[in-house]
Amino acid sequence: MRFTQFYNQGPSAFTDGQDITFFGDFSQSHSVFVHEATHNLDRWIAGDSNNWYSYTDAWRSWTNTQDSCVPDGYAMASYTEDFAQTGVLVAYDANVAPLHKTEGASDCFKTQYARAGKEIRKTWKYDAGRRCKQRIQEE
């Protein structure tokens, strides 16, 4: 993520694959931050920076043939939104509680979850000793 902007409208958000823009109050919706950041991970960590991982034939195949559902209704909007919603669950699992121990967690998207986890779990896992190595330079 390169740059984040906030505006007093909304709430809504979008990413262009590098920058994230938020509109409105998200104080009760932390998952939106994770969702939008996962769009960046989709392209820059899991993908090859020119193509989004969620655009690959492999991701589409896992979604269409290996699993019988997606994480929620919004994930049905596109493969990209499916990856971002799955990324929210990966972040939750990595930092709050394992999903298999969470009431209502489902097996029906386990392939998507495992593949997204393989790509981005390490990035989402909190590490108190890890520090950002690059900073935006002042003009």
Protein backbone atom coordinates (compact mmCIF):
# COMPACT_ATOMS: atom_id res chain seq x y z
CA MET A 1 0.00 0.00 0.00
CA ARG A 2 1.44 3.29 -1.04
CA PHE A 3 -1.05 5.95 -0.01
CA THR A 4 -4.30 6.03 1.93
CA GLN A 5 -6.81 8.88 1.83
CA PHE A 6 -9.84 9.54 4.03
CA TYR A 7 -12.89 11.66 3.19
CA ASN A 8 -15.95 12.50 5.30
CA GLN A 9 -18.62 10.79 3.20
CA GLY A 10 -19.85 7.26 2.84
CA PRO A 11 -18.89 4.87 4.31
CA SER A 12 -17.36 3.26 1.25
CA ALA A 13 -13.88 2.50 -0.02
CA PHE A 14 -11.97 1.53 -3.13
CA THR A 15 -8.47 0.63 -4.21
CA ASP A 16 -6.87 1.02 -7.59
CA GLY A 17 -4.40 -1.75 -6.85
CA GLN A 18 -1.94 0.55 -5.16
CA ASP A 19 -3.70 3.41 -3.39
CA ILE A 20 -6.70 3.01 -1.08
CA THR A 21 -9.38 5.66 -0.59
CA PHE A 22 -11.87 5.52 2.30
CA PHE A 23 -15.06 7.57 2.59
CA GLY A 24 -16.84 7.92 5.92
CA ASP A 25 -16.66 6.44 9.41
CA PHE A 26 -15.30 2.90 9.61
CA SER A 27 -14.81 2.82 13.36
CA GLN A 28 -17.20 -0.14 13.59
CA SER A 29 -16.04 -1.82 10.37
CA HIS A 30 -12.39 -2.75 10.72
CA SER A 31 -12.80 -5.54 8.20
CA VAL A 32 -13.17 -2.92 5.44
CA PHE A 33 -9.55 -1.86 5.98
CA VAL A 34 -8.42 -5.47 5.75
CA HIS A 35 -10.60 -6.08 2.69
CA GLU A 36 -9.19 -3.10 0.79
CA ALA A 37 -5.60 -3.87 1.78
CA THR A 38 -6.17 -7.45 0.60
CA HIS A 39 -6.94 -6.08 -2.87
CA ASN A 40 -3.39 -4.70 -2.85
CA LEU A 41 -2.02 -8.02 -1.63
CA ASP A 42 -3.96 -9.72 -4.43
CA ARG A 43 -1.97 -7.77 -6.97
CA TRP A 44 1.39 -7.02 -5.35
CA ILE A 45 2.05 -10.03 -3.09
CA ALA A 46 0.06 -12.93 -4.52
CA GLY A 47 -0.03 -11.63 -8.10
CA ASP A 48 2.92 -10.62 -10.22
CA SER A 49 2.23 -6.85 -9.98
CA ASN A 50 0.95 -6.83 -13.57
CA ASN A 51 -1.88 -9.25 -12.91
CA TRP A 52 -4.11 -9.85 -9.94
CA TYR A 53 -3.90 -13.34 -8.44
CA SER A 54 -7.70 -13.46 -8.38
CA TYR A 55 -7.69 -13.09 -12.19
CA THR A 56 -5.75 -16.32 -12.67
CA ASP A 57 -7.33 -19.41 -14.15
CA ALA A 58 -6.24 -21.32 -11.05
CA TRP A 59 -8.18 -19.05 -8.66
CA ARG A 60 -11.25 -19.17 -10.88
CA SER A 61 -11.03 -22.94 -11.09
CA TRP A 62 -10.78 -23.36 -7.31
CA THR A 63 -13.76 -21.07 -6.86
CA ASN A 64 -15.86 -22.74 -9.54
CA THR A 65 -14.97 -26.42 -9.27
CA GLN A 66 -13.28 -27.15 -5.95
CA ASP A 67 -15.55 -25.25 -3.57
CA SER A 68 -19.31 -25.00 -3.30
CA CYS A 69 -19.53 -21.48 -1.81
CA VAL A 70 -17.72 -18.20 -1.22
CA PRO A 71 -17.32 -16.45 2.16
CA ASP A 72 -20.37 -14.18 1.85
CA GLY A 73 -22.74 -12.49 -0.57
CA TYR A 74 -20.33 -9.68 -1.45
CA ALA A 75 -17.72 -12.25 -2.50
CA MET A 76 -20.14 -13.31 -5.23
CA ALA A 77 -19.67 -9.95 -6.98
CA SER A 78 -16.39 -10.99 -8.66
CA TYR A 79 -13.32 -13.17 -8.27
CA THR A 80 -11.45 -10.12 -6.98
CA GLU A 81 -14.03 -9.44 -4.27
CA ASP A 82 -14.02 -13.14 -3.39
CA PHE A 83 -10.25 -13.02 -2.85
CA ALA A 84 -10.55 -9.85 -0.72
CA GLN A 85 -13.32 -11.32 1.44
CA THR A 86 -11.35 -14.53 1.83
CA GLY A 87 -8.35 -12.39 2.81
CA VAL A 88 -10.37 -10.88 5.67
CA LEU A 89 -10.91 -14.41 6.99
CA VAL A 90 -7.22 -15.25 6.58
CA ALA A 91 -6.28 -12.14 8.59
CA TYR A 92 -8.81 -13.05 11.28
CA ASP A 93 -7.50 -16.60 11.47
CA ALA A 94 -3.88 -15.41 11.64
CA ASN A 95 -4.46 -12.91 14.43
CA VAL A 96 -7.68 -13.55 16.37
CA ALA A 97 -8.79 -17.18 16.34
CA PRO A 98 -8.50 -20.19 14.05
CA LEU A 99 -11.59 -20.37 11.85
CA HIS A 100 -12.05 -24.09 12.39
CA LYS A 101 -12.72 -23.21 16.05
CA THR A 102 -15.16 -20.42 15.15
CA GLU A 103 -18.86 -21.19 15.34
CA GLY A 104 -20.44 -21.15 11.89
CA ALA A 105 -17.15 -21.47 9.97
CA SER A 106 -17.69 -23.46 6.83
CA ASP A 107 -15.81 -26.05 4.84
CA CYS A 108 -17.47 -25.07 1.58
CA PHE A 109 -14.75 -22.58 0.56
CA LYS A 110 -11.77 -24.44 2.03
CA THR A 111 -9.75 -24.52 -1.21
CA GLN A 112 -10.03 -20.76 -1.74
CA TYR A 113 -9.20 -20.20 1.92
CA ALA A 114 -6.15 -22.48 1.80
CA ARG A 115 -4.84 -20.92 -1.44
CA ALA A 116 -5.36 -17.33 -0.28
CA GLY A 117 -3.77 -18.25 3.05
CA LYS A 118 -0.74 -19.70 1.28
CA GLU A 119 -0.29 -16.43 -0.61
CA ILE A 120 -0.99 -13.77 2.04
CA ARG A 121 -1.18 -15.27 5.57
CA LYS A 122 2.45 -14.42 6.35
CA THR A 123 1.79 -10.79 5.40
CA TRP A 124 -1.28 -10.57 7.64
CA LYS A 125 0.27 -12.33 10.64
CA TYR A 126 1.11 -9.80 13.34
CA ASP A 127 4.77 -9.79 14.35
CA ALA A 128 5.68 -7.33 17.10
CA GLY A 129 9.32 -7.26 15.96
CA ARG A 130 8.63 -6.54 12.32
CA ARG A 131 9.08 -2.97 11.14
CA CYS A 132 8.44 -1.23 7.87
CA LYS A 133 11.75 -1.00 6.03
CA GLN A 134 10.70 1.55 3.45
CA ARG A 135 9.27 4.95 4.18
CA ILE A 136 7.73 7.46 1.85
CA GLN A 137 10.34 10.10 1.22
CA GLU A 138 9.44 13.72 1.81
CA GLU A 139 9.46 15.85 -1.30
